């Protein structure tokens, strides 16, 4: 009996984030870039050049996200 797995199933937490798909690796994983400029490897299916929502814990694509322009303004 694995208590960690049971606890995880009860509280099935996801940390949703957004990234843009920029490439595909030969092993089938997606290469994506976050709005902050970090590169992440994701599993799932998505179209090259599209933005997606993904789970930061499992690196699994959750769905397509709208294309939004992020702007930074100095204070």
PDB file of N, CA and C in Angstrom:
ATOM      1  N   UNK A   1       0.846  -1.181   0.000  1.00  0.00           N
ATOM      2  CA  UNK A   1       0.000   0.000   0.000  1.00  0.00           C
ATOM      3  C   UNK A   1       0.890   1.243   0.000  1.00  0.00           C
ATOM      4  N   UNK A   2       0.746   2.067  -1.029  1.00  0.00           N
ATOM      5  CA  UNK A   2       1.556   3.263  -1.172  1.00  0.00           C
ATOM      6  C   UNK A   2       0.716   4.487  -0.782  1.00  0.00           C
ATOM      7  N   UNK A   3       1.026   5.041   0.375  1.00  0.00           N
ATOM      8  CA  UNK A   3       0.241   6.167   0.884  1.00  0.00           C
ATOM      9  C   UNK A   3       0.433   7.434   0.050  1.00  0.00           C
ATOM     10  N   UNK A   4       1.621   7.645  -0.511  1.00  0.00           N
ATOM     11  CA  UNK A   4       1.856   8.827  -1.336  1.00  0.00           C
ATOM     12  C   UNK A   4       0.977   8.809  -2.578  1.00  0.00           C
ATOM     13  N   UNK A   5       0.851   7.664  -3.237  1.00  0.00           N
ATOM     14  CA  UNK A   5      -0.013   7.562  -4.413  1.00  0.00           C
ATOM     15  C   UNK A   5      -1.472   7.790  -4.053  1.00  0.00           C
ATOM     16  N   UNK A   6      -1.913   7.231  -2.939  1.00  0.00           N
ATOM     17  CA  UNK A   6      -3.298   7.439  -2.515  1.00  0.00           C
ATOM     18  C   UNK A   6      -3.561   8.907  -2.186  1.00  0.00           C
ATOM     19  N   UNK A   7      -2.614   9.541  -1.517  1.00  0.00           N
ATOM     20  CA  UNK A   7      -2.761  10.955  -1.175  1.00  0.00           C
ATOM     21  C   UNK A   7      -2.810  11.801  -2.448  1.00  0.00           C
ATOM     22  N   UNK A   8      -1.943  11.497  -3.400  1.00  0.00           N
ATOM     23  CA  UNK A   8      -1.913  12.242  -4.660  1.00  0.00           C
ATOM     24  C   UNK A   8      -3.213  12.082  -5.434  1.00  0.00           C
ATOM     25  N   UNK A   9      -3.791  10.880  -5.408  1.00  0.00           N
ATOM     26  CA  UNK A   9      -5.049  10.653  -6.107  1.00  0.00           C
ATOM     27  C   UNK A   9      -6.199  11.415  -5.462  1.00  0.00           C
ATOM     28  N   UNK A  10      -6.180  11.519  -4.138  1.00  0.00           N
ATOM     29  CA  UNK A  10      -7.243  12.249  -3.445  1.00  0.00           C
ATOM     30  C   UNK A  10      -7.199  13.741  -3.751  1.00  0.00           C
ATOM     31  N   UNK A  11      -6.009  14.291  -3.796  1.00  0.00           N
ATOM     32  CA  UNK A  11      -5.860  15.732  -3.951  1.00  0.00           C
ATOM     33  C   UNK A  11      -5.310  16.106  -5.317  1.00  0.00           C
ATOM     34  N   UNK A  12      -5.425  15.291  -6.298  1.00  0.00           N
ATOM     35  CA  UNK A  12      -4.988  15.451  -7.672  1.00  0.00           C
ATOM     36  C   UNK A  12      -4.716  16.910  -8.057  1.00  0.00           C
ATOM     37  N   UNK A  13      -3.608  17.438  -7.587  1.00  0.00           N
ATOM     38  CA  UNK A  13      -3.267  18.831  -7.819  1.00  0.00           C
ATOM     39  C   UNK A  13      -2.544  18.994  -9.152  1.00  0.00           C
ATOM     40  N   UNK A  14      -2.851  20.071  -9.830  1.00  0.00           N
ATOM     41  CA  UNK A  14      -2.126  20.436 -11.041  1.00  0.00           C
ATOM     42  C   UNK A  14      -1.691  21.883 -10.908  1.00  0.00           C
ATOM     43  N   UNK A  15      -0.533  22.166 -11.429  1.00  0.00           N
ATOM     44  CA  UNK A  15      -0.044  23.538 -11.510  1.00  0.00           C
ATOM     45  C   UNK A  15      -0.056  23.905 -12.977  1.00  0.00           C
ATOM     46  N   UNK A  16      -1.042  24.685 -13.365  1.00  0.00           N
ATOM     47  CA  UNK A  16      -1.228  25.017 -14.763  1.00  0.00           C
ATOM     48  C   UNK A  16      -0.340  26.180 -15.154  1.00  0.00           C
ATOM     49  N   UNK A  17       0.320  26.057 -16.305  1.00  0.00           N
ATOM     50  CA  UNK A  17       1.162  27.114 -16.847  1.00  0.00           C
ATOM     51  C   UNK A  17       0.924  27.177 -18.353  1.00  0.00           C
ATOM     52  N   UNK A  18       1.541  28.161 -18.991  1.00  0.00           N
ATOM     53  CA  UNK A  18       1.351  28.354 -20.416  1.00  0.00           C
ATOM     54  C   UNK A  18       2.700  28.385 -21.112  1.00  0.00           C
ATOM     55  N   UNK A  19       2.765  27.852 -22.336  1.00  0.00           N
ATOM     56  CA  UNK A  19       3.993  27.865 -23.125  1.00  0.00           C
ATOM     57  C   UNK A  19       3.643  27.827 -24.602  1.00  0.00           C
ATOM     58  N   UNK A  20       4.598  28.218 -25.443  1.00  0.00           N
ATOM     59  CA  UNK A  20       4.429  28.177 -26.900  1.00  0.00           C
ATOM     60  C   UNK A  20       5.288  27.049 -27.448  1.00  0.00           C
ATOM     61  N   UNK A  21       4.705  26.200 -28.285  1.00  0.00           N
ATOM     62  CA  UNK A  21       5.415  25.068 -28.870  1.00  0.00           C
ATOM     63  C   UNK A  21       6.349  25.588 -29.962  1.00  0.00           C
ATOM     64  N   UNK A  22       7.649  25.264 -29.823  1.00  0.00           N
ATOM     65  CA  UNK A  22       8.635  25.747 -30.792  1.00  0.00           C
ATOM     66  C   UNK A  22       9.336  24.618 -31.538  1.00  0.00           C
ATOM     67  N   UNK A  23       9.137  23.368 -31.127  1.00  0.00           N
ATOM     68  CA  UNK A  23       9.802  22.274 -31.818  1.00  0.00           C
ATOM     69  C   UNK A  23       9.334  20.913 -31.338  1.00  0.00           C
ATOM     70  N   UNK A  24       9.839  19.880 -32.021  1.00  0.00           N
ATOM     71  CA  UNK A  24       9.498  18.505 -31.700  1.00  0.00           C
ATOM     72  C   UNK A  24      10.773  17.680 -31.688  1.00  0.00           C
ATOM     73  N   UNK A  25      10.991  16.951 -30.602  1.00  0.00           N
ATOM     74  CA  UNK A  25      12.171  16.084 -30.489  1.00  0.00           C
ATOM     75  C   UNK A  25      11.907  14.759 -31.196  1.00  0.00           C
ATOM     76  N   UNK A  26      12.977  14.052 -31.590  1.00  0.00           N
ATOM     77  CA  UNK A  26      12.796  12.749 -32.245  1.00  0.00           C
ATOM     78  C   UNK A  26      12.073  11.721 -31.373  1.00  0.00           C
ATOM     79  N   UNK A  27      12.166  11.866 -30.039  1.00  0.00           N
ATOM     80  CA  UNK A  27      11.483  10.915 -29.152  1.00  0.00           C
ATOM     81  C   UNK A  27       9.999  11.240 -28.963  1.00  0.00           C
ATOM     82  N   UNK A  28       9.494  12.284 -29.632  1.00  0.00           N
ATOM     83  CA  UNK A  28       8.077  12.622 -29.578  1.00  0.00           C
ATOM     84  C   UNK A  28       7.713  13.710 -28.583  1.00  0.00           C
ATOM     85  N   UNK A  29       8.659  14.123 -27.740  1.00  0.00           N
ATOM     86  CA  UNK A  29       8.348  15.188 -26.782  1.00  0.00           C
ATOM     87  C   UNK A  29       8.367  16.547 -27.474  1.00  0.00           C
ATOM     88  N   UNK A  30       7.567  17.451 -26.952  1.00  0.00           N
ATOM     89  CA  UNK A  30       7.450  18.795 -27.505  1.00  0.00           C
ATOM     90  C   UNK A  30       8.420  19.738 -26.808  1.00  0.00           C
ATOM     91  N   UNK A  31       9.048  20.611 -27.575  1.00  0.00           N
ATOM     92  CA  UNK A  31       9.912  21.652 -27.018  1.00  0.00           C
ATOM     93  C   UNK A  31       9.078  22.927 -26.983  1.00  0.00           C
ATOM     94  N   UNK A  32       9.005  23.550 -25.810  1.00  0.00           N
ATOM     95  CA  UNK A  32       8.171  24.742 -25.651  1.00  0.00           C
ATOM     96  C   UNK A  32       8.927  25.820 -24.885  1.00  0.00           C
ATOM     97  N   UNK A  33       8.509  27.060 -25.093  1.00  0.00           N
ATOM     98  CA  UNK A  33       9.095  28.199 -24.408  1.00  0.00           C
ATOM     99  C   UNK A  33       8.017  28.902 -23.600  1.00  0.00           C
ATOM    100  N   UNK A  34       8.304  29.188 -22.334  1.00  0.00           N
ATOM    101  CA  UNK A  34       7.363  29.887 -21.463  1.00  0.00           C
ATOM    102  C   UNK A  34       7.450  31.393 -21.726  1.00  0.00           C
ATOM    103  N   UNK A  35       6.475  32.171 -21.260  1.00  0.00           N
ATOM    104  CA  UNK A  35       6.529  33.619 -21.447  1.00  0.00           C
ATOM    105  C   UNK A  35       7.762  34.273 -20.805  1.00  0.00           C
ATOM    106  N   UNK A  36       8.352  33.628 -19.790  1.00  0.00           N
ATOM    107  CA  UNK A  36       9.551  34.188 -19.159  1.00  0.00           C
ATOM    108  C   UNK A  36      10.823  33.827 -19.902  1.00  0.00           C
ATOM    109  N   UNK A  37      10.717  32.967 -20.929  1.00  0.00           N
ATOM    110  CA  UNK A  37      11.875  32.590 -21.726  1.00  0.00           C
ATOM    111  C   UNK A  37      12.473  31.235 -21.391  1.00  0.00           C
ATOM    112  N   UNK A  38      11.918  30.530 -20.420  1.00  0.00           N
ATOM    113  CA  UNK A  38      12.426  29.202 -20.055  1.00  0.00           C
ATOM    114  C   UNK A  38      11.989  28.169 -21.098  1.00  0.00           C
ATOM    115  N   UNK A  39      12.828  27.163 -21.307  1.00  0.00           N
ATOM    116  CA  UNK A  39      12.512  26.071 -22.225  1.00  0.00           C
ATOM    117  C   UNK A  39      12.072  24.862 -21.419  1.00  0.00           C
ATOM    118  N   UNK A  40      10.958  24.251 -21.832  1.00  0.00           N
ATOM    119  CA  UNK A  40      10.435  23.069 -21.154  1.00  0.00           C
ATOM    120  C   UNK A  40      10.152  21.978 -22.175  1.00  0.00           C
ATOM    121  N   UNK A  41      10.257  20.725 -21.742  1.00  0.00           N
ATOM    122  CA  UNK A  41       9.900  19.571 -22.570  1.00  0.00           C
ATOM    123  C   UNK A  41       8.549  19.054 -22.102  1.00  0.00           C
ATOM    124  N   UNK A  42       7.622  18.887 -23.037  1.00  0.00           N
ATOM    125  CA  UNK A  42       6.259  18.491 -22.703  1.00  0.00           C
ATOM    126  C   UNK A  42       5.884  17.202 -23.409  1.00  0.00           C
ATOM    127  N   UNK A  43       4.927  16.472 -22.830  1.00  0.00           N
ATOM    128  CA  UNK A  43       4.369  15.293 -23.470  1.00  0.00           C
ATOM    129  C   UNK A  43       2.936  15.592 -23.863  1.00  0.00           C
ATOM    130  N   UNK A  44       2.502  15.026 -24.963  1.00  0.00           N
ATOM    131  CA  UNK A  44       1.157  15.248 -25.451  1.00  0.00           C
ATOM    132  C   UNK A  44       1.179  15.619 -26.914  1.00  0.00           C
ATOM    133  N   UNK A  45       0.071  16.157 -27.383  1.00  0.00           N
ATOM    134  CA  UNK A  45      -0.022  16.568 -28.779  1.00  0.00           C
ATOM    135  C   UNK A  45      -0.371  18.037 -28.859  1.00  0.00           C
ATOM    136  N   UNK A  46       0.292  18.721 -29.780  1.00  0.00           N
ATOM    137  CA  UNK A  46       0.028  20.140 -30.009  1.00  0.00           C
ATOM    138  C   UNK A  46       0.595  20.519 -31.367  1.00  0.00           C
ATOM    139  N   UNK A  47       0.117  21.626 -31.896  1.00  0.00           N
ATOM    140  CA  UNK A  47       0.556  22.127 -33.184  1.00  0.00           C
ATOM    141  C   UNK A  47       1.737  23.066 -33.000  1.00  0.00           C
ATOM    142  N   UNK A  48       2.716  22.944 -33.869  1.00  0.00           N
ATOM    143  CA  UNK A  48       3.893  23.792 -33.832  1.00  0.00           C
ATOM    144  C   UNK A  48       3.487  25.256 -33.988  1.00  0.00           C
ATOM    145  N   UNK A  49       3.980  26.114 -33.105  1.00  0.00           N
ATOM    146  CA  UNK A  49       3.672  27.537 -33.151  1.00  0.00           C
ATOM    147  C   UNK A  49       2.483  27.957 -32.307  1.00  0.00           C
ATOM    148  N   UNK A  50       1.736  27.010 -31.769  1.00  0.00           N
ATOM    149  CA  UNK A  50       0.558  27.321 -30.944  1.00  0.00           C
ATOM    150  C   UNK A  50       0.933  27.399 -29.467  1.00  0.00           C
ATOM    151  N   UNK A  51       0.145  28.117 -28.706  1.00  0.00           N
ATOM    152  CA  UNK A  51       0.312  28.188 -27.257  1.00  0.00           C
ATOM    153  C   UNK A  51      -0.535  27.102 -26.609  1.00  0.00           C
ATOM    154  N   UNK A  52      -0.024  26.542 -25.518  1.00  0.00           N
ATOM    155  CA  UNK A  52      -0.735  25.473 -24.819  1.00  0.00           C
ATOM    156  C   UNK A  52      -0.700  25.719 -23.312  1.00  0.00           C
ATOM    157  N   UNK A  53      -1.684  25.152 -22.624  1.00  0.00           N
ATOM    158  CA  UNK A  53      -1.644  25.048 -21.178  1.00  0.00           C
ATOM    159  C   UNK A  53      -1.021  23.699 -20.854  1.00  0.00           C
ATOM    160  N   UNK A  54      -0.163  23.657 -19.834  1.00  0.00           N
ATOM    161  CA  UNK A  54       0.444  22.394 -19.438  1.00  0.00           C
ATOM    162  C   UNK A  54       0.523  22.305 -17.923  1.00  0.00           C
ATOM    163  N   UNK A  55       0.624  21.070 -17.438  1.00  0.00           N
ATOM    164  CA  UNK A  55       0.759  20.806 -16.008  1.00  0.00           C
ATOM    165  C   UNK A  55       2.245  20.870 -15.663  1.00  0.00           C
ATOM    166  N   UNK A  56       2.626  21.780 -14.776  1.00  0.00           N
ATOM    167  CA  UNK A  56       4.036  21.951 -14.431  1.00  0.00           C
ATOM    168  C   UNK A  56       4.585  20.767 -13.654  1.00  0.00           C
ATOM    169  N   UNK A  57       3.743  19.994 -13.012  1.00  0.00           N
ATOM    170  CA  UNK A  57       4.208  18.842 -12.228  1.00  0.00           C
ATOM    171  C   UNK A  57       4.517  17.662 -13.140  1.00  0.00           C
ATOM    172  N   UNK A  58       3.602  17.343 -14.055  1.00  0.00           N
ATOM    173  CA  UNK A  58       3.781  16.171 -14.912  1.00  0.00           C
ATOM    174  C   UNK A  58       4.318  16.510 -16.303  1.00  0.00           C
ATOM    175  N   UNK A  59       4.415  17.790 -16.649  1.00  0.00           N
ATOM    176  CA  UNK A  59       4.856  18.247 -17.982  1.00  0.00           C
ATOM    177  C   UNK A  59       3.958  17.696 -19.092  1.00  0.00           C
ATOM    178  N   UNK A  60       2.681  17.588 -18.807  1.00  0.00           N
ATOM    179  CA  UNK A  60       1.706  17.053 -19.755  1.00  0.00           C
ATOM    180  C   UNK A  60       0.867  18.200 -20.314  1.00  0.00           C
ATOM    181  N   UNK A  61       0.656  18.204 -21.621  1.00  0.00           N
ATOM    182  CA  UNK A  61      -0.165  19.232 -22.269  1.00  0.00           C
ATOM    183  C   UNK A  61      -1.616  19.032 -21.852  1.00  0.00           C
ATOM    184  N   UNK A  62      -2.249  20.127 -21.387  1.00  0.00           N
ATOM    185  CA  UNK A  62      -3.646  20.063 -20.944  1.00  0.00           C
ATOM    186  C   UNK A  62      -4.608  20.534 -22.021  1.00  0.00           C
ATOM    187  N   UNK A  63      -4.162  21.427 -22.889  1.00  0.00           N
ATOM    188  CA  UNK A  63      -5.041  21.936 -23.937  1.00  0.00           C
ATOM    189  C   UNK A  63      -4.444  23.151 -24.594  1.00  0.00           C
ATOM    190  N   UNK A  64      -5.134  23.636 -25.615  1.00  0.00           N
ATOM    191  CA  UNK A  64      -4.665  24.798 -26.356  1.00  0.00           C
ATOM    192  C   UNK A  64      -4.993  26.080 -25.599  1.00  0.00           C
ATOM    193  N   UNK A  65      -4.076  27.037 -25.656  1.00  0.00           N
ATOM    194  CA  UNK A  65      -4.251  28.324 -24.987  1.00  0.00           C
ATOM    195  C   UNK A  65      -4.356  29.420 -26.046  1.00  0.00           C
ATOM    196  N   UNK A  66      -5.000  30.526 -25.724  1.00  0.00           N
ATOM    197  CA  UNK A  66      -5.074  31.625 -26.686  1.00  0.00           C
ATOM    198  C   UNK A  66      -3.702  32.282 -26.842  1.00  0.00           C
ATOM    199  N   UNK A  67      -3.437  32.816 -28.030  1.00  0.00           N
ATOM    200  CA  UNK A  67      -2.194  33.549 -28.248  1.00  0.00           C
ATOM    201  C   UNK A  67      -2.335  34.944 -27.650  1.00  0.00           C
ATOM    202  N   UNK A  68      -1.528  35.214 -26.634  1.00  0.00           N
ATOM    203  CA  UNK A  68      -1.594  36.476 -25.915  1.00  0.00           C
ATOM    204  C   UNK A  68      -0.212  37.119 -25.929  1.00  0.00           C
ATOM    205  N   UNK A  69      -0.163  38.414 -26.128  1.00  0.00           N
ATOM    206  CA  UNK A  69       1.100  39.138 -26.098  1.00  0.00           C
ATOM    207  C   UNK A  69       1.365  39.597 -24.678  1.00  0.00           C
ATOM    208  N   UNK A  70       2.526  39.224 -24.119  1.00  0.00           N
ATOM    209  CA  UNK A  70       2.912  39.649 -22.781  1.00  0.00           C
ATOM    210  C   UNK A  70       3.805  40.858 -22.896  1.00  0.00           C
ATOM    211  N   UNK A  71       3.473  41.910 -22.170  1.00  0.00           N
ATOM    212  CA  UNK A  71       4.255  43.136 -22.197  1.00  0.00           C
ATOM    213  C   UNK A  71       4.725  43.475 -20.794  1.00  0.00           C
ATOM    214  N   UNK A  72       5.919  44.036 -20.689  1.00  0.00           N
ATOM    215  CA  UNK A  72       6.454  44.459 -19.398  1.00  0.00           C
ATOM    216  C   UNK A  72       6.650  45.970 -19.443  1.00  0.00           C
ATOM    217  N   UNK A  73       6.179  46.634 -18.413  1.00  0.00           N
ATOM    218  CA  UNK A  73       6.322  48.072 -18.319  1.00  0.00           C
ATOM    219  C   UNK A  73       7.158  48.433 -17.108  1.00  0.00           C
ATOM    220  N   UNK A  74       8.102  49.320 -17.290  1.00  0.00           N
ATOM    221  CA  UNK A  74       8.937  49.770 -16.184  1.00  0.00           C
ATOM    222  C   UNK A  74       8.155  50.658 -15.242  1.00  0.00           C
ATOM    223  N   UNK A  75       8.548  50.642 -13.996  1.00  0.00           N
ATOM    224  CA  UNK A  75       7.853  51.455 -12.997  1.00  0.00           C
ATOM    225  C   UNK A  75       8.729  52.594 -12.561  1.00  0.00           C
TER     226      UNK A  75
END
